[in-house]
Amino acid sequence: MGQGFTVKASVLQSRSQDASDLQEYCQAVAVDAVETLAGMASSAGHPGLASALTDAAGRGDKAFGGMLTAYGHAAKGLAASGQTYANAEQTNTARAKGIVDPNSLFLNGNG
C-alpha cells in the first residue's frame, strides 16, 4: 500500500495568494524595467545603442509577460486545488456523520 500525505486546503489557498502577490510584484518590476530601458533608449543619442535598448525593452516585456502568466496560472491552480480538497473534506465529514450517529451508540438513550 502506498504512503499518503496530508493536504490542507487552507495552505493551498494561502499559497495561491502568495503566487498572486508574486505576480503583482513581478508586474511592478516589469513595468519599471521596461520603462527604464525605453527611457534610456530615447535619450541614448546613439542609434545603435538606442536600437539595442529598445530591443532589450521588447524582450524584457515578453519575458515578464511569460512570468506573469505562469504566476497567474499557479495561483489559479492552487486556489482550485484548495477548493477541491475543502469540498472533499466537507463531503467526507457529512458522510461520516451519517455513518456514525452519536445518538445511536446507546440503547434507549441511556448513557
N, C-alpha and C. Protein backbone atom coordinates (compact mmCIF):
# COMPACT_ATOMS: atom_id res chain seq x y z
N MET A 1 0.85 -1.18 0.00
CA MET A 1 0.00 0.00 0.00
C MET A 1 0.89 1.24 0.00
N GLY A 2 0.55 2.21 -0.81
CA GLY A 2 1.34 3.42 -0.91
C GLY A 2 1.22 4.29 0.32
N GLN A 3 2.22 5.11 0.51
CA GLN A 3 2.19 6.02 1.64
C GLN A 3 1.53 7.32 1.21
N GLY A 4 0.66 7.82 2.05
CA GLY A 4 -0.06 9.03 1.74
C GLY A 4 0.61 10.28 2.27
N PHE A 5 -0.02 11.37 2.05
CA PHE A 5 0.46 12.64 2.57
C PHE A 5 -0.75 13.48 2.94
N THR A 6 -0.52 14.46 3.77
CA THR A 6 -1.60 15.31 4.24
C THR A 6 -1.67 16.57 3.39
N VAL A 7 -2.86 16.92 2.98
CA VAL A 7 -3.09 18.14 2.22
C VAL A 7 -4.05 19.01 3.02
N LYS A 8 -3.66 20.25 3.21
CA LYS A 8 -4.53 21.18 3.93
C LYS A 8 -5.03 22.22 2.93
N ALA A 9 -6.33 22.25 2.76
CA ALA A 9 -6.94 23.17 1.80
C ALA A 9 -6.57 24.62 2.10
N SER A 10 -6.53 24.97 3.37
CA SER A 10 -6.22 26.35 3.75
C SER A 10 -4.80 26.74 3.34
N VAL A 11 -3.87 25.77 3.39
CA VAL A 11 -2.49 26.05 2.98
C VAL A 11 -2.43 26.27 1.47
N LEU A 12 -3.13 25.44 0.71
CA LEU A 12 -3.16 25.63 -0.74
C LEU A 12 -3.74 26.99 -1.09
N GLN A 13 -4.80 27.37 -0.41
CA GLN A 13 -5.42 28.66 -0.71
C GLN A 13 -4.53 29.83 -0.31
N SER A 14 -3.79 29.71 0.79
CA SER A 14 -2.90 30.80 1.18
C SER A 14 -1.72 30.89 0.21
N ARG A 15 -1.27 29.74 -0.30
CA ARG A 15 -0.17 29.76 -1.28
C ARG A 15 -0.65 30.35 -2.60
N SER A 16 -1.92 30.21 -2.88
CA SER A 16 -2.50 30.85 -4.06
C SER A 16 -2.35 32.36 -3.93
N GLN A 17 -2.61 32.88 -2.74
CA GLN A 17 -2.45 34.32 -2.51
C GLN A 17 -0.99 34.72 -2.63
N ASP A 18 -0.07 33.87 -2.14
CA ASP A 18 1.37 34.15 -2.27
C ASP A 18 1.75 34.27 -3.74
N ALA A 19 1.24 33.36 -4.58
CA ALA A 19 1.54 33.40 -6.01
C ALA A 19 0.95 34.65 -6.65
N SER A 20 -0.22 35.05 -6.22
CA SER A 20 -0.84 36.29 -6.73
C SER A 20 -0.01 37.51 -6.33
N ASP A 21 0.49 37.49 -5.09
CA ASP A 21 1.35 38.59 -4.64
C ASP A 21 2.63 38.66 -5.46
N LEU A 22 3.23 37.50 -5.76
CA LEU A 22 4.42 37.48 -6.59
C LEU A 22 4.12 37.98 -8.00
N GLN A 23 2.95 37.66 -8.50
CA GLN A 23 2.55 38.13 -9.82
C GLN A 23 2.47 39.66 -9.83
N GLU A 24 1.88 40.24 -8.80
CA GLU A 24 1.78 41.70 -8.71
C GLU A 24 3.17 42.34 -8.61
N TYR A 25 4.05 41.73 -7.79
CA TYR A 25 5.41 42.26 -7.64
C TYR A 25 6.16 42.17 -8.97
N CYS A 26 6.04 41.04 -9.65
CA CYS A 26 6.69 40.85 -10.93
C CYS A 26 6.20 41.89 -11.94
N GLN A 27 4.92 42.18 -11.91
CA GLN A 27 4.37 43.16 -12.84
C GLN A 27 4.96 44.55 -12.57
N ALA A 28 5.09 44.90 -11.30
CA ALA A 28 5.67 46.20 -10.95
C ALA A 28 7.13 46.29 -11.42
N VAL A 29 7.89 45.21 -11.22
CA VAL A 29 9.29 45.18 -11.66
C VAL A 29 9.35 45.27 -13.18
N ALA A 30 8.46 44.55 -13.86
CA ALA A 30 8.44 44.56 -15.32
C ALA A 30 8.20 45.96 -15.86
N VAL A 31 7.22 46.64 -15.30
CA VAL A 31 6.90 47.99 -15.76
C VAL A 31 8.11 48.90 -15.56
N ASP A 32 8.73 48.84 -14.39
CA ASP A 32 9.90 49.68 -14.12
C ASP A 32 11.05 49.35 -15.07
N ALA A 33 11.32 48.07 -15.27
CA ALA A 33 12.44 47.68 -16.13
C ALA A 33 12.23 48.11 -17.57
N VAL A 34 11.06 47.84 -18.09
CA VAL A 34 10.78 48.18 -19.50
C VAL A 34 10.76 49.69 -19.69
N GLU A 35 10.15 50.41 -18.75
CA GLU A 35 10.12 51.88 -18.87
C GLU A 35 11.52 52.47 -18.76
N THR A 36 12.35 51.92 -17.91
CA THR A 36 13.73 52.40 -17.77
C THR A 36 14.52 52.18 -19.05
N LEU A 37 14.40 50.96 -19.62
CA LEU A 37 15.10 50.67 -20.88
C LEU A 37 14.60 51.57 -22.01
N ALA A 38 13.31 51.77 -22.07
CA ALA A 38 12.74 52.63 -23.12
C ALA A 38 13.21 54.07 -22.94
N GLY A 39 13.25 54.54 -21.70
CA GLY A 39 13.74 55.89 -21.42
C GLY A 39 15.21 56.05 -21.78
N MET A 40 16.00 55.03 -21.47
CA MET A 40 17.42 55.07 -21.82
C MET A 40 17.59 55.08 -23.34
N ALA A 41 16.77 54.32 -24.03
CA ALA A 41 16.86 54.26 -25.50
C ALA A 41 16.54 55.62 -26.12
N SER A 42 15.53 56.30 -25.58
CA SER A 42 15.15 57.58 -26.17
C SER A 42 16.18 58.67 -25.88
N SER A 43 16.96 58.52 -24.84
CA SER A 43 17.95 59.55 -24.51
C SER A 43 19.37 59.12 -24.83
N ALA A 44 19.54 57.98 -25.48
CA ALA A 44 20.88 57.44 -25.73
C ALA A 44 21.72 58.34 -26.63
N GLY A 45 21.11 58.91 -27.64
CA GLY A 45 21.88 59.77 -28.54
C GLY A 45 22.75 59.00 -29.52
N HIS A 46 22.66 57.71 -29.52
CA HIS A 46 23.43 56.87 -30.44
C HIS A 46 22.46 55.85 -31.03
N PRO A 47 22.29 55.84 -32.35
CA PRO A 47 21.30 54.97 -32.97
C PRO A 47 21.47 53.49 -32.63
N GLY A 48 22.68 52.98 -32.62
CA GLY A 48 22.91 51.56 -32.32
C GLY A 48 22.54 51.23 -30.88
N LEU A 49 22.93 52.08 -29.95
CA LEU A 49 22.61 51.86 -28.54
C LEU A 49 21.10 51.99 -28.31
N ALA A 50 20.49 52.99 -28.94
CA ALA A 50 19.04 53.17 -28.81
C ALA A 50 18.31 51.94 -29.34
N SER A 51 18.77 51.40 -30.45
CA SER A 51 18.15 50.22 -31.03
C SER A 51 18.30 49.01 -30.11
N ALA A 52 19.49 48.84 -29.54
CA ALA A 52 19.73 47.71 -28.63
C ALA A 52 18.87 47.82 -27.37
N LEU A 53 18.76 49.02 -26.84
CA LEU A 53 17.94 49.23 -25.64
C LEU A 53 16.45 49.02 -25.94
N THR A 54 16.02 49.47 -27.10
CA THR A 54 14.63 49.25 -27.50
C THR A 54 14.35 47.76 -27.65
N ASP A 55 15.30 47.04 -28.27
CA ASP A 55 15.17 45.59 -28.43
C ASP A 55 15.13 44.91 -27.05
N ALA A 56 16.00 45.33 -26.14
CA ALA A 56 16.03 44.75 -24.79
C ALA A 56 14.71 45.02 -24.06
N ALA A 57 14.15 46.21 -24.24
CA ALA A 57 12.87 46.53 -23.61
C ALA A 57 11.78 45.60 -24.14
N GLY A 58 11.77 45.35 -25.44
CA GLY A 58 10.78 44.46 -26.02
C GLY A 58 10.94 43.03 -25.55
N ARG A 59 12.18 42.57 -25.47
CA ARG A 59 12.43 41.21 -24.98
C ARG A 59 12.06 41.08 -23.50
N GLY A 60 12.38 42.11 -22.74
CA GLY A 60 12.03 42.10 -21.32
C GLY A 60 10.52 42.07 -21.12
N ASP A 61 9.82 42.81 -21.95
CA ASP A 61 8.36 42.84 -21.86
C ASP A 61 7.78 41.44 -22.12
N LYS A 62 8.32 40.75 -23.12
CA LYS A 62 7.85 39.39 -23.43
C LYS A 62 8.20 38.42 -22.30
N ALA A 63 9.42 38.52 -21.77
CA ALA A 63 9.85 37.61 -20.70
C ALA A 63 9.00 37.81 -19.45
N PHE A 64 8.80 39.06 -19.08
CA PHE A 64 7.98 39.34 -17.90
C PHE A 64 6.53 38.91 -18.14
N GLY A 65 6.06 39.06 -19.36
CA GLY A 65 4.70 38.62 -19.68
C GLY A 65 4.54 37.13 -19.44
N GLY A 66 5.56 36.36 -19.82
CA GLY A 66 5.53 34.91 -19.59
C GLY A 66 5.51 34.58 -18.10
N MET A 67 6.31 35.30 -17.33
CA MET A 67 6.33 35.06 -15.89
C MET A 67 5.00 35.43 -15.24
N LEU A 68 4.41 36.52 -15.68
CA LEU A 68 3.11 36.92 -15.14
C LEU A 68 2.06 35.86 -15.42
N THR A 69 2.09 35.31 -16.62
CA THR A 69 1.15 34.25 -16.98
C THR A 69 1.37 33.02 -16.10
N ALA A 70 2.63 32.67 -15.89
CA ALA A 70 2.94 31.49 -15.06
C ALA A 70 2.48 31.69 -13.62
N TYR A 71 2.74 32.86 -13.04
CA TYR A 71 2.28 33.13 -11.68
C TYR A 71 0.76 33.09 -11.60
N GLY A 72 0.09 33.65 -12.58
CA GLY A 72 -1.37 33.63 -12.60
C GLY A 72 -1.91 32.22 -12.70
N HIS A 73 -1.29 31.41 -13.54
CA HIS A 73 -1.71 30.01 -13.69
C HIS A 73 -1.51 29.25 -12.38
N ALA A 74 -0.36 29.45 -11.74
CA ALA A 74 -0.08 28.77 -10.47
C ALA A 74 -1.08 29.19 -9.39
N ALA A 75 -1.37 30.47 -9.32
CA ALA A 75 -2.32 30.97 -8.32
C ALA A 75 -3.71 30.35 -8.52
N LYS A 76 -4.16 30.31 -9.77
CA LYS A 76 -5.48 29.73 -10.05
C LYS A 76 -5.49 28.23 -9.74
N GLY A 77 -4.42 27.54 -10.09
CA GLY A 77 -4.35 26.11 -9.83
C GLY A 77 -4.36 25.79 -8.34
N LEU A 78 -3.60 26.55 -7.57
CA LEU A 78 -3.57 26.35 -6.13
C LEU A 78 -4.93 26.63 -5.50
N ALA A 79 -5.58 27.70 -5.95
CA ALA A 79 -6.90 28.04 -5.42
C ALA A 79 -7.91 26.95 -5.75
N ALA A 80 -7.87 26.46 -6.98
CA ALA A 80 -8.81 25.41 -7.40
C ALA A 80 -8.55 24.12 -6.62
N SER A 81 -7.29 23.76 -6.43
CA SER A 81 -6.96 22.56 -5.67
C SER A 81 -7.41 22.70 -4.22
N GLY A 82 -7.17 23.87 -3.65
CA GLY A 82 -7.61 24.12 -2.28
C GLY A 82 -9.11 23.97 -2.14
N GLN A 83 -9.86 24.48 -3.10
CA GLN A 83 -11.31 24.38 -3.06
C GLN A 83 -11.75 22.93 -3.23
N THR A 84 -11.09 22.19 -4.11
CA THR A 84 -11.41 20.77 -4.31
C THR A 84 -11.20 19.98 -3.03
N TYR A 85 -10.07 20.20 -2.37
CA TYR A 85 -9.80 19.49 -1.11
C TYR A 85 -10.78 19.90 -0.02
N ALA A 86 -11.14 21.19 0.04
CA ALA A 86 -12.10 21.65 1.05
C ALA A 86 -13.47 21.00 0.81
N ASN A 87 -13.88 20.93 -0.45
CA ASN A 87 -15.16 20.29 -0.78
C ASN A 87 -15.14 18.81 -0.42
N ALA A 88 -14.04 18.13 -0.73
CA ALA A 88 -13.94 16.70 -0.40
C ALA A 88 -13.97 16.48 1.10
N GLU A 89 -13.31 17.36 1.83
CA GLU A 89 -13.30 17.24 3.29
C GLU A 89 -14.72 17.42 3.86
N GLN A 90 -15.44 18.39 3.32
CA GLN A 90 -16.82 18.62 3.78
C GLN A 90 -17.71 17.42 3.44
N THR A 91 -17.53 16.87 2.25
CA THR A 91 -18.31 15.70 1.84
C THR A 91 -18.01 14.51 2.74
N ASN A 92 -16.74 14.27 2.99
CA ASN A 92 -16.35 13.14 3.85
C ASN A 92 -16.86 13.32 5.28
N THR A 93 -16.83 14.54 5.77
CA THR A 93 -17.33 14.82 7.12
C THR A 93 -18.83 14.55 7.18
N ALA A 94 -19.55 14.99 6.16
CA ALA A 94 -21.00 14.76 6.13
C ALA A 94 -21.32 13.28 6.05
N ARG A 95 -20.57 12.53 5.25
CA ARG A 95 -20.79 11.09 5.14
C ARG A 95 -20.49 10.38 6.46
N ALA A 96 -19.41 10.81 7.12
CA ALA A 96 -19.04 10.18 8.40
C ALA A 96 -20.13 10.43 9.44
N LYS A 97 -20.71 11.60 9.43
CA LYS A 97 -21.79 11.89 10.38
C LYS A 97 -22.99 11.01 10.12
N GLY A 98 -23.23 10.67 8.86
CA GLY A 98 -24.34 9.81 8.52
C GLY A 98 -24.10 8.36 8.90
N ILE A 99 -22.84 7.95 8.93
CA ILE A 99 -22.49 6.57 9.27
C ILE A 99 -22.54 6.36 10.77
N VAL A 100 -21.97 7.30 11.51
CA VAL A 100 -21.90 7.18 12.96
C VAL A 100 -22.74 8.28 13.58
N ASP A 101 -23.89 7.90 14.04
CA ASP A 101 -24.78 8.83 14.73
C ASP A 101 -24.51 8.68 16.22
N PRO A 102 -23.98 9.69 16.89
CA PRO A 102 -23.66 9.57 18.31
C PRO A 102 -24.85 9.18 19.17
N ASN A 103 -26.04 9.52 18.73
CA ASN A 103 -27.25 9.18 19.50
C ASN A 103 -27.57 7.70 19.41
N SER A 104 -27.07 7.02 18.40
CA SER A 104 -27.39 5.59 18.24
C SER A 104 -26.39 4.69 18.97
N LEU A 105 -25.40 5.26 19.62
CA LEU A 105 -24.40 4.45 20.33
C LEU A 105 -24.94 3.87 21.63
N PHE A 106 -25.98 4.45 22.16
CA PHE A 106 -26.54 3.99 23.43
C PHE A 106 -27.97 3.50 23.20
N LEU A 107 -28.28 2.40 23.76
CA LEU A 107 -29.64 1.84 23.63
C LEU A 107 -30.60 2.62 24.52
N ASN A 108 -31.75 2.86 24.04
CA ASN A 108 -32.81 3.54 24.78
C ASN A 108 -32.40 4.93 25.26
N GLY A 109 -31.38 5.51 24.63
CA GLY A 109 -30.96 6.86 25.03
C GLY A 109 -30.27 6.91 26.36
N ASN A 110 -29.95 5.79 26.99
CA ASN A 110 -29.26 5.79 28.29
C ASN A 110 -27.76 5.80 28.07
N GLY A 111 -27.05 6.63 28.81
CA GLY A 111 -25.63 6.73 28.66
C GLY A 111 -24.82 5.92 29.56
